[in-house]
Amino acid sequence: MGAVLNKKDPKVAGALAFVAGPLGFLYVGWRYAVAATAVFVSVIGLSVFLLPIPSWLMYVNLPVFAFLAYRTCETINGFSEAEQYRSAVASNTLPVAVFAMTSALPLLGAVNAGVFGITTAFSQFTGGNLQGALIMALLITPLFVAVNFVLGAIVAAGIDHVFSRVAPTAPRHIFPPVIRLGAKG
């Protein structure tokens, strides 16, 4: 009885995000592309500015973008299939798109930390420092992954909290946060 959104193929969404990063979300919707670009460019840009991260690390994020685009597309399609018209229409708003993008920040932080740690361990190994490589791979990298996951969740919760204040009626159930900072609903 309400308008059903056009279904998008999750595989196509994932493939486009894998190739084009945040711009691949244009297939899902322009709001998702804007939110992905704003959230990820600012977070990744800040990370590169604060830490000595190699530029090739941005390509490691492409599988995360593909996973997020696939999952986002499946979620939105699910509302149309279940005839949840309000949720389907609400999923096409900028706050919900931001919530979808911030839900991936912990994963993005963990993946980046893991790849960075593994490449550092490999570099130490090829340089002849077996003990340093093992410590980096087995102790420091898992700790770094956990810390970056938590930091990603905190940053995501902060962004979600700001958007919940700006758009208090935006539905949170579509892409729920990893943690909540005083946001209702």
N, C-alpha and C. Protein backbone atom coordinates (compact mmCIF):
# COMPACT_ATOMS: atom_id res chain seq x y z
N MET A 1 0.73 -1.18 0.00
CA MET A 1 0.00 0.00 0.00
C MET A 1 0.79 1.28 0.00
N GLY A 2 2.09 1.19 0.17
CA GLY A 2 2.98 2.34 0.02
C GLY A 2 3.86 2.09 -1.19
N ALA A 3 4.69 3.05 -1.46
CA ALA A 3 5.60 2.92 -2.59
C ALA A 3 6.74 1.97 -2.23
N VAL A 4 6.99 1.03 -3.10
CA VAL A 4 8.09 0.09 -2.89
C VAL A 4 9.30 0.63 -3.65
N LEU A 5 10.44 0.60 -2.99
CA LEU A 5 11.66 1.06 -3.65
C LEU A 5 12.12 0.05 -4.69
N ASN A 6 12.76 0.57 -5.72
CA ASN A 6 13.32 -0.33 -6.73
C ASN A 6 14.41 -1.18 -6.08
N LYS A 7 14.34 -2.46 -6.33
CA LYS A 7 15.36 -3.35 -5.78
C LYS A 7 16.64 -3.20 -6.58
N LYS A 8 17.74 -3.28 -5.86
CA LYS A 8 19.06 -3.23 -6.48
C LYS A 8 19.74 -4.57 -6.22
N ASP A 9 20.58 -4.98 -7.13
CA ASP A 9 21.30 -6.23 -7.00
C ASP A 9 22.48 -6.05 -6.04
N PRO A 10 22.50 -6.74 -4.90
CA PRO A 10 23.60 -6.60 -3.95
C PRO A 10 24.97 -6.93 -4.54
N LYS A 11 25.01 -7.89 -5.47
CA LYS A 11 26.29 -8.25 -6.08
C LYS A 11 26.84 -7.10 -6.92
N VAL A 12 25.96 -6.43 -7.64
CA VAL A 12 26.38 -5.27 -8.43
C VAL A 12 26.84 -4.15 -7.50
N ALA A 13 26.09 -3.93 -6.42
CA ALA A 13 26.47 -2.89 -5.45
C ALA A 13 27.86 -3.18 -4.88
N GLY A 14 28.09 -4.43 -4.51
CA GLY A 14 29.39 -4.81 -3.96
C GLY A 14 30.51 -4.65 -4.97
N ALA A 15 30.25 -5.06 -6.20
CA ALA A 15 31.28 -4.95 -7.24
C ALA A 15 31.63 -3.49 -7.53
N LEU A 16 30.62 -2.64 -7.60
CA LEU A 16 30.88 -1.23 -7.88
C LEU A 16 31.65 -0.57 -6.73
N ALA A 17 31.30 -0.91 -5.50
CA ALA A 17 32.02 -0.35 -4.35
C ALA A 17 33.44 -0.90 -4.28
N PHE A 18 33.63 -2.13 -4.72
CA PHE A 18 34.97 -2.71 -4.74
C PHE A 18 35.87 -1.99 -5.75
N VAL A 19 35.28 -1.59 -6.86
CA VAL A 19 36.05 -0.91 -7.90
C VAL A 19 36.18 0.59 -7.63
N ALA A 20 35.11 1.23 -7.19
CA ALA A 20 35.10 2.69 -7.07
C ALA A 20 35.10 3.20 -5.64
N GLY A 21 35.16 2.31 -4.67
CA GLY A 21 35.16 2.77 -3.27
C GLY A 21 33.85 3.44 -2.92
N PRO A 22 33.90 4.55 -2.19
CA PRO A 22 32.67 5.22 -1.78
C PRO A 22 31.78 5.67 -2.94
N LEU A 23 32.37 5.98 -4.08
CA LEU A 23 31.56 6.40 -5.22
C LEU A 23 30.74 5.26 -5.79
N GLY A 24 31.13 4.03 -5.52
CA GLY A 24 30.36 2.88 -5.95
C GLY A 24 28.99 2.81 -5.29
N PHE A 25 28.83 3.53 -4.19
CA PHE A 25 27.54 3.56 -3.51
C PHE A 25 26.49 4.34 -4.29
N LEU A 26 26.88 5.02 -5.35
CA LEU A 26 25.89 5.72 -6.18
C LEU A 26 24.84 4.75 -6.69
N TYR A 27 25.22 3.52 -6.91
CA TYR A 27 24.26 2.49 -7.35
C TYR A 27 23.18 2.27 -6.29
N VAL A 28 23.57 2.30 -5.02
CA VAL A 28 22.61 2.12 -3.93
C VAL A 28 21.74 3.35 -3.80
N GLY A 29 22.35 4.51 -3.93
CA GLY A 29 21.63 5.78 -3.84
C GLY A 29 22.62 6.91 -3.61
N TRP A 30 22.27 8.10 -4.10
CA TRP A 30 23.21 9.21 -4.00
C TRP A 30 23.48 9.58 -2.55
N ARG A 31 22.49 9.41 -1.67
CA ARG A 31 22.70 9.74 -0.25
C ARG A 31 23.77 8.82 0.37
N TYR A 32 23.76 7.57 -0.04
CA TYR A 32 24.75 6.62 0.46
C TYR A 32 26.15 6.97 -0.07
N ALA A 33 26.22 7.41 -1.31
CA ALA A 33 27.52 7.81 -1.88
C ALA A 33 28.05 9.05 -1.17
N VAL A 34 27.18 10.01 -0.91
CA VAL A 34 27.60 11.22 -0.20
C VAL A 34 28.06 10.87 1.22
N ALA A 35 27.27 10.06 1.90
CA ALA A 35 27.62 9.67 3.28
C ALA A 35 28.91 8.87 3.31
N ALA A 36 29.06 7.93 2.39
CA ALA A 36 30.28 7.11 2.35
C ALA A 36 31.50 7.98 2.08
N THR A 37 31.38 8.87 1.12
CA THR A 37 32.51 9.74 0.79
C THR A 37 32.86 10.64 1.95
N ALA A 38 31.87 11.27 2.55
CA ALA A 38 32.13 12.19 3.66
C ALA A 38 32.72 11.48 4.87
N VAL A 39 32.10 10.38 5.26
CA VAL A 39 32.55 9.68 6.47
C VAL A 39 33.93 9.06 6.26
N PHE A 40 34.09 8.32 5.18
CA PHE A 40 35.34 7.59 5.00
C PHE A 40 36.50 8.49 4.58
N VAL A 41 36.25 9.48 3.74
CA VAL A 41 37.34 10.38 3.36
C VAL A 41 37.82 11.17 4.57
N SER A 42 36.89 11.61 5.41
CA SER A 42 37.32 12.37 6.59
C SER A 42 38.05 11.48 7.59
N VAL A 43 37.56 10.29 7.82
CA VAL A 43 38.21 9.39 8.79
C VAL A 43 39.54 8.88 8.26
N ILE A 44 39.58 8.46 7.01
CA ILE A 44 40.82 7.98 6.43
C ILE A 44 41.81 9.13 6.27
N GLY A 45 41.32 10.28 5.86
CA GLY A 45 42.20 11.45 5.74
C GLY A 45 42.80 11.84 7.07
N LEU A 46 42.00 11.80 8.11
CA LEU A 46 42.50 12.12 9.44
C LEU A 46 43.53 11.08 9.89
N SER A 47 43.26 9.82 9.61
CA SER A 47 44.21 8.76 9.97
C SER A 47 45.55 8.93 9.26
N VAL A 48 45.50 9.23 7.98
CA VAL A 48 46.73 9.40 7.21
C VAL A 48 47.48 10.63 7.70
N PHE A 49 46.74 11.66 8.10
CA PHE A 49 47.37 12.88 8.61
C PHE A 49 48.05 12.64 9.95
N LEU A 50 47.41 11.85 10.81
CA LEU A 50 47.93 11.63 12.16
C LEU A 50 48.98 10.53 12.24
N LEU A 51 48.89 9.53 11.39
CA LEU A 51 49.78 8.38 11.45
C LEU A 51 50.56 8.22 10.15
N PRO A 52 51.74 7.67 10.23
CA PRO A 52 52.51 7.43 9.00
C PRO A 52 52.00 6.17 8.28
N ILE A 53 50.86 6.30 7.63
CA ILE A 53 50.22 5.17 6.97
C ILE A 53 50.56 5.23 5.48
N PRO A 54 50.98 4.11 4.90
CA PRO A 54 51.29 4.12 3.46
C PRO A 54 50.03 4.35 2.62
N SER A 55 50.22 5.02 1.50
CA SER A 55 49.07 5.37 0.66
C SER A 55 48.37 4.14 0.08
N TRP A 56 49.08 3.02 -0.11
CA TRP A 56 48.47 1.82 -0.68
C TRP A 56 47.43 1.22 0.26
N LEU A 57 47.45 1.62 1.53
CA LEU A 57 46.50 1.06 2.49
C LEU A 57 45.05 1.39 2.13
N MET A 58 44.85 2.48 1.39
CA MET A 58 43.48 2.84 1.02
C MET A 58 42.85 1.76 0.14
N TYR A 59 43.66 1.02 -0.62
CA TYR A 59 43.12 -0.03 -1.47
C TYR A 59 42.64 -1.24 -0.66
N VAL A 60 43.18 -1.39 0.54
CA VAL A 60 42.75 -2.47 1.42
C VAL A 60 41.30 -2.26 1.85
N ASN A 61 40.84 -1.02 1.81
CA ASN A 61 39.48 -0.69 2.22
C ASN A 61 38.43 -1.10 1.19
N LEU A 62 38.85 -1.35 -0.03
CA LEU A 62 37.88 -1.66 -1.09
C LEU A 62 37.04 -2.91 -0.78
N PRO A 63 37.62 -4.00 -0.26
CA PRO A 63 36.75 -5.13 0.11
C PRO A 63 35.75 -4.77 1.23
N VAL A 64 36.15 -3.88 2.13
CA VAL A 64 35.23 -3.45 3.19
C VAL A 64 34.08 -2.65 2.57
N PHE A 65 34.40 -1.76 1.62
CA PHE A 65 33.35 -1.01 0.93
C PHE A 65 32.42 -1.96 0.19
N ALA A 66 32.99 -2.98 -0.46
CA ALA A 66 32.17 -3.95 -1.19
C ALA A 66 31.23 -4.69 -0.24
N PHE A 67 31.75 -5.14 0.89
CA PHE A 67 30.92 -5.82 1.89
C PHE A 67 29.81 -4.90 2.38
N LEU A 68 30.15 -3.65 2.68
CA LEU A 68 29.16 -2.71 3.19
C LEU A 68 28.09 -2.41 2.14
N ALA A 69 28.49 -2.23 0.89
CA ALA A 69 27.50 -1.97 -0.17
C ALA A 69 26.58 -3.16 -0.35
N TYR A 70 27.14 -4.36 -0.34
CA TYR A 70 26.34 -5.58 -0.47
C TYR A 70 25.33 -5.67 0.67
N ARG A 71 25.82 -5.50 1.91
CA ARG A 71 24.96 -5.60 3.08
C ARG A 71 23.89 -4.51 3.09
N THR A 72 24.26 -3.31 2.71
CA THR A 72 23.31 -2.19 2.68
C THR A 72 22.21 -2.47 1.67
N CYS A 73 22.59 -2.92 0.50
CA CYS A 73 21.63 -3.23 -0.56
C CYS A 73 20.68 -4.35 -0.12
N GLU A 74 21.23 -5.40 0.49
CA GLU A 74 20.38 -6.49 0.99
C GLU A 74 19.40 -6.00 2.04
N THR A 75 19.87 -5.15 2.94
CA THR A 75 19.00 -4.63 4.01
C THR A 75 17.85 -3.84 3.42
N ILE A 76 18.16 -2.95 2.50
CA ILE A 76 17.12 -2.12 1.89
C ILE A 76 16.15 -2.98 1.09
N ASN A 77 16.67 -3.94 0.33
CA ASN A 77 15.79 -4.84 -0.43
C ASN A 77 14.88 -5.63 0.50
N GLY A 78 15.39 -6.00 1.66
CA GLY A 78 14.61 -6.78 2.61
C GLY A 78 13.36 -6.06 3.08
N PHE A 79 13.44 -4.74 3.19
CA PHE A 79 12.26 -3.99 3.61
C PHE A 79 11.18 -4.01 2.54
N SER A 80 11.57 -3.94 1.30
CA SER A 80 10.59 -4.01 0.22
C SER A 80 9.94 -5.39 0.15
N GLU A 81 10.77 -6.44 0.33
CA GLU A 81 10.24 -7.80 0.28
C GLU A 81 9.29 -8.07 1.44
N ALA A 82 9.59 -7.52 2.61
CA ALA A 82 8.76 -7.76 3.78
C ALA A 82 7.60 -6.77 3.88
N GLU A 83 7.47 -5.94 2.85
CA GLU A 83 6.41 -4.93 2.80
C GLU A 83 6.44 -4.01 4.02
N GLN A 84 7.63 -3.66 4.43
CA GLN A 84 7.82 -2.67 5.50
C GLN A 84 8.07 -1.32 4.83
N TYR A 85 7.00 -0.72 4.37
CA TYR A 85 7.10 0.46 3.53
C TYR A 85 7.74 1.65 4.24
N ARG A 86 7.40 1.85 5.49
CA ARG A 86 8.00 2.98 6.22
C ARG A 86 9.51 2.83 6.32
N SER A 87 9.98 1.65 6.63
CA SER A 87 11.42 1.42 6.72
C SER A 87 12.08 1.54 5.35
N ALA A 88 11.39 1.08 4.31
CA ALA A 88 11.95 1.19 2.96
C ALA A 88 12.11 2.65 2.55
N VAL A 89 11.10 3.46 2.84
CA VAL A 89 11.17 4.88 2.51
C VAL A 89 12.20 5.58 3.39
N ALA A 90 12.23 5.25 4.68
CA ALA A 90 13.18 5.87 5.60
C ALA A 90 14.62 5.53 5.25
N SER A 91 14.82 4.37 4.64
CA SER A 91 16.18 3.96 4.29
C SER A 91 16.76 4.85 3.19
N ASN A 92 15.94 5.64 2.56
CA ASN A 92 16.39 6.52 1.48
C ASN A 92 16.58 7.95 1.99
N THR A 93 17.04 8.09 3.24
CA THR A 93 17.29 9.41 3.81
C THR A 93 18.77 9.54 4.16
N LEU A 94 19.25 10.77 4.23
CA LEU A 94 20.66 11.00 4.53
C LEU A 94 21.07 10.52 5.92
N PRO A 95 20.28 10.77 6.98
CA PRO A 95 20.70 10.25 8.29
C PRO A 95 20.85 8.73 8.31
N VAL A 96 19.93 8.01 7.68
CA VAL A 96 20.03 6.55 7.65
C VAL A 96 21.26 6.13 6.84
N ALA A 97 21.55 6.85 5.78
CA ALA A 97 22.76 6.55 5.00
C ALA A 97 24.01 6.76 5.85
N VAL A 98 24.02 7.81 6.65
CA VAL A 98 25.17 8.05 7.54
C VAL A 98 25.26 6.93 8.57
N PHE A 99 24.13 6.53 9.13
CA PHE A 99 24.14 5.42 10.10
C PHE A 99 24.70 4.15 9.46
N ALA A 100 24.36 3.92 8.19
CA ALA A 100 24.86 2.73 7.49
C ALA A 100 26.38 2.81 7.34
N MET A 101 26.88 3.98 7.01
CA MET A 101 28.32 4.12 6.81
C MET A 101 29.09 4.03 8.12
N THR A 102 28.57 4.63 9.17
CA THR A 102 29.29 4.59 10.44
C THR A 102 29.27 3.19 11.05
N SER A 103 28.30 2.38 10.66
CA SER A 103 28.27 1.02 11.20
C SER A 103 29.47 0.20 10.75
N ALA A 104 30.14 0.64 9.69
CA ALA A 104 31.31 -0.09 9.19
C ALA A 104 32.63 0.46 9.71
N LEU A 105 32.61 1.57 10.43
CA LEU A 105 33.87 2.15 10.90
C LEU A 105 34.68 1.20 11.79
N PRO A 106 34.06 0.47 12.72
CA PRO A 106 34.87 -0.47 13.51
C PRO A 106 35.55 -1.53 12.64
N LEU A 107 34.82 -2.07 11.68
CA LEU A 107 35.40 -3.07 10.78
C LEU A 107 36.54 -2.46 9.96
N LEU A 108 36.32 -1.26 9.46
CA LEU A 108 37.35 -0.59 8.67
C LEU A 108 38.61 -0.35 9.50
N GLY A 109 38.44 0.10 10.74
CA GLY A 109 39.59 0.31 11.61
C GLY A 109 40.33 -0.98 11.90
N ALA A 110 39.61 -2.04 12.15
CA ALA A 110 40.24 -3.33 12.45
C ALA A 110 40.98 -3.89 11.24
N VAL A 111 40.37 -3.80 10.07
CA VAL A 111 41.02 -4.31 8.85
C VAL A 111 42.30 -3.53 8.56
N ASN A 112 42.21 -2.21 8.63
CA ASN A 112 43.39 -1.39 8.37
C ASN A 112 44.51 -1.69 9.36
N ALA A 113 44.17 -1.82 10.63
CA ALA A 113 45.18 -2.12 11.64
C ALA A 113 45.79 -3.50 11.41
N GLY A 114 44.97 -4.47 11.06
CA GLY A 114 45.47 -5.82 10.81
C GLY A 114 46.42 -5.87 9.63
N VAL A 115 46.05 -5.24 8.54
CA VAL A 115 46.90 -5.24 7.35
C VAL A 115 48.20 -4.48 7.62
N PHE A 116 48.09 -3.36 8.31
CA PHE A 116 49.28 -2.58 8.64
C PHE A 116 50.22 -3.39 9.54
N GLY A 117 49.66 -4.09 10.51
CA GLY A 117 50.47 -4.91 11.41
C GLY A 117 51.12 -6.08 10.69
N ILE A 118 50.39 -6.74 9.83
CA ILE A 118 50.93 -7.88 9.09
C ILE A 118 52.04 -7.44 8.14
N THR A 119 51.85 -6.31 7.46
CA THR A 119 52.91 -5.85 6.56
C THR A 119 54.15 -5.41 7.34
N THR A 120 53.95 -4.85 8.52
CA THR A 120 55.10 -4.49 9.35
C THR A 120 55.83 -5.75 9.81
N ALA A 121 55.08 -6.77 10.21
CA ALA A 121 55.70 -8.03 10.62
C ALA A 121 56.45 -8.67 9.45
N PHE A 122 55.86 -8.64 8.27
CA PHE A 122 56.51 -9.20 7.10
C PHE A 122 57.80 -8.44 6.77
N SER A 123 57.74 -7.13 6.91
CA SER A 123 58.92 -6.30 6.67
C SER A 123 60.04 -6.66 7.65
N GLN A 124 59.68 -6.87 8.91
CA GLN A 124 60.67 -7.27 9.90
C GLN A 124 61.23 -8.66 9.59
N PHE A 125 60.36 -9.55 9.16
CA PHE A 125 60.79 -10.90 8.82
C PHE A 125 61.78 -10.90 7.66
N THR A 126 61.44 -10.16 6.60
CA THR A 126 62.33 -10.11 5.43
C THR A 126 63.63 -9.37 5.75
N GLY A 127 63.60 -8.54 6.78
CA GLY A 127 64.81 -7.84 7.22
C GLY A 127 65.66 -8.67 8.16
N GLY A 128 65.23 -9.89 8.47
CA GLY A 128 66.00 -10.79 9.30
C GLY A 128 65.67 -10.74 10.78
N ASN A 129 64.67 -9.98 11.17
CA ASN A 129 64.29 -9.87 12.57
C ASN A 129 63.12 -10.80 12.85
N LEU A 130 63.40 -12.09 13.02
CA LEU A 130 62.36 -13.09 13.22
C LEU A 130 61.62 -12.86 14.53
N GLN A 131 62.34 -12.55 15.60
CA GLN A 131 61.71 -12.33 16.90
C GLN A 131 60.77 -11.13 16.83
N GLY A 132 61.22 -10.02 16.24
CA GLY A 132 60.37 -8.84 16.10
C GLY A 132 59.15 -9.11 15.25
N ALA A 133 59.34 -9.92 14.19
CA ALA A 133 58.21 -10.25 13.31
C ALA A 133 57.17 -11.07 14.06
N LEU A 134 57.62 -12.04 14.86
CA LEU A 134 56.68 -12.87 15.62
C LEU A 134 55.95 -12.05 16.68
N ILE A 135 56.66 -11.18 17.37
CA ILE A 135 56.02 -10.33 18.37
C ILE A 135 54.99 -9.42 17.71
N MET A 136 55.36 -8.86 16.56
CA MET A 136 54.44 -7.97 15.84
C MET A 136 53.21 -8.74 15.37
N ALA A 137 53.42 -9.93 14.79
CA ALA A 137 52.31 -10.69 14.22
C ALA A 137 51.40 -11.32 15.28
N LEU A 138 51.98 -11.79 16.36
CA LEU A 138 51.20 -12.56 17.34
C LEU A 138 50.73 -11.76 18.55
N LEU A 139 51.36 -10.63 18.83
CA LEU A 139 51.00 -9.88 20.02
C LEU A 139 50.53 -8.47 19.70
N ILE A 140 51.36 -7.72 19.01
CA ILE A 140 51.05 -6.31 18.77
C ILE A 140 49.91 -6.14 17.78
N THR A 141 49.91 -6.88 16.68
CA THR A 141 48.86 -6.72 15.67
C THR A 141 47.47 -7.05 16.22
N PRO A 142 47.26 -8.18 16.92
CA PRO A 142 45.92 -8.42 17.47
C PRO A 142 45.48 -7.33 18.47
N LEU A 143 46.42 -6.85 19.26
CA LEU A 143 46.10 -5.77 20.20
C LEU A 143 45.73 -4.50 19.43
N PHE A 144 46.50 -4.19 18.40
CA PHE A 144 46.25 -3.03 17.57
C PHE A 144 44.90 -3.14 16.87
N VAL A 145 44.55 -4.33 16.40
CA VAL A 145 43.25 -4.56 15.75
C VAL A 145 42.11 -4.30 16.74
N ALA A 146 42.24 -4.83 17.95
CA ALA A 146 41.19 -4.65 18.96
C ALA A 146 41.03 -3.18 19.33
N VAL A 147 42.14 -2.49 19.53
CA VAL A 147 42.09 -1.07 19.89
C VAL A 147 41.45 -0.26 18.77
N ASN A 148 41.83 -0.54 17.53
CA ASN A 148 41.25 0.20 16.41
C ASN A 148 39.78 -0.12 16.19
N PHE A 149 39.36 -1.35 16.49
CA PHE A 149 37.94 -1.68 16.42
C PHE A 149 37.16 -0.84 17.44
N VAL A 150 37.68 -0.78 18.65
CA VAL A 150 37.01 0.00 19.70
C VAL A 150 37.00 1.49 19.35
N LEU A 151 38.13 2.01 18.87
CA LEU A 151 38.17 3.42 18.47
C LEU A 151 37.20 3.70 17.33
N GLY A 152 37.12 2.78 16.37
CA GLY A 152 36.15 2.94 15.28
C GLY A 152 34.72 2.95 15.79
N ALA A 153 34.44 2.11 16.78
CA ALA A 153 33.09 2.07 17.36
C ALA A 153 32.79 3.37 18.11
N ILE A 154 33.78 3.91 18.79
CA ILE A 154 33.57 5.17 19.53
C ILE A 154 33.36 6.33 18.56
N VAL A 155 34.17 6.40 17.51
CA VAL A 155 34.00 7.46 16.51
C VAL A 155 32.63 7.32 15.84
N ALA A 156 32.26 6.10 15.48
CA ALA A 156 30.96 5.86 14.86
C ALA A 156 29.82 6.28 15.79
N ALA A 157 29.93 5.92 17.05
CA ALA A 157 28.89 6.30 18.01
C ALA A 157 28.81 7.81 18.16
N GLY A 158 29.95 8.47 18.12
CA GLY A 158 29.94 9.93 18.20
C GLY A 158 29.27 10.57 17.00
N ILE A 159 29.59 10.08 15.81
CA ILE A 159 28.95 10.61 14.60
C ILE A 159 27.45 10.31 14.63
N ASP A 160 27.08 9.10 15.02
CA ASP A 160 25.66 8.73 15.12
C ASP A 160 24.94 9.62 16.14
N HIS A 161 25.61 9.90 17.24
CA HIS A 161 25.00 10.75 18.28
C HIS A 161 24.72 12.15 17.73
N VAL A 162 25.67 12.70 16.98
CA VAL A 162 25.47 14.02 16.38
C VAL A 162 24.30 13.97 15.41
N PHE A 163 24.25 12.95 14.56
CA PHE A 163 23.15 12.86 13.59
C PHE A 163 21.82 12.57 14.28
N SER A 164 21.84 11.87 15.40
CA SER A 164 20.61 11.63 16.14
C SER A 164 20.08 12.92 16.75
N ARG A 165 20.96 13.82 17.09
CA ARG A 165 20.54 15.13 17.61
C ARG A 165 20.01 16.01 16.48
N VAL A 166 20.66 15.96 15.31
CA VAL A 166 20.25 16.77 14.17
C VAL A 166 18.93 16.25 13.59
N ALA A 167 18.80 14.93 13.53
CA ALA A 167 17.60 14.30 12.96
C ALA A 167 17.05 13.30 13.99
N PRO A 168 16.38 13.80 15.04
CA PRO A 168 15.96 12.91 16.13
C PRO A 168 14.92 11.87 15.73
N THR A 169 14.23 12.07 14.64
CA THR A 169 13.22 11.10 14.23
C THR A 169 13.76 10.07 13.24
N ALA A 170 15.03 10.18 12.89
CA ALA A 170 15.62 9.22 11.95
C ALA A 170 15.64 7.83 12.60
N PRO A 171 15.18 6.82 11.88
CA PRO A 171 15.13 5.48 12.47
C PRO A 171 16.51 4.88 12.66
N ARG A 172 16.75 4.34 13.83
CA ARG A 172 18.03 3.72 14.17
C ARG A 172 18.02 2.21 13.96
N HIS A 173 16.84 1.63 13.77
CA HIS A 173 16.74 0.18 13.68
C HIS A 173 17.24 -0.37 12.34
N ILE A 174 17.35 0.47 11.32
CA ILE A 174 17.75 -0.02 10.01
C ILE A 174 19.23 -0.41 10.01
N PHE A 175 20.09 0.46 10.52
CA PHE A 175 21.52 0.19 10.65
C PHE A 175 21.92 0.56 12.08
N PRO A 176 21.68 -0.34 13.03
CA PRO A 176 21.95 -0.01 14.43
C PRO A 176 23.45 0.16 14.69
N PRO A 177 23.77 1.03 15.64
CA PRO A 177 25.18 1.27 15.97
C PRO A 177 25.78 0.11 16.76
N VAL A 178 27.11 0.04 16.74
CA VAL A 178 27.81 -0.96 17.53
C VAL A 178 27.65 -0.63 19.01
N ILE A 179 27.81 0.65 19.35
CA ILE A 179 27.57 1.13 20.71
C ILE A 179 26.73 2.39 20.61
N ARG A 180 26.11 2.75 21.71
CA ARG A 180 25.26 3.94 21.71
C ARG A 180 25.80 4.95 22.70
N LEU A 181 25.70 6.21 22.33
CA LEU A 181 26.07 7.31 23.22
C LEU A 181 24.83 8.16 23.47
N GLY A 182 23.97 7.72 24.30
CA GLY A 182 22.81 8.50 24.67
C GLY A 182 21.76 8.67 23.60
N ALA A 183 21.86 7.97 22.49
CA ALA A 183 20.84 8.09 21.43
C ALA A 183 19.69 7.16 21.74
N LYS A 184 18.48 7.66 21.53
CA LYS A 184 17.29 6.84 21.75
C LYS A 184 16.81 6.28 20.43
N GLY A 185 16.12 5.14 20.53
CA GLY A 185 15.43 4.57 19.39
C GLY A 185 16.30 3.87 18.49
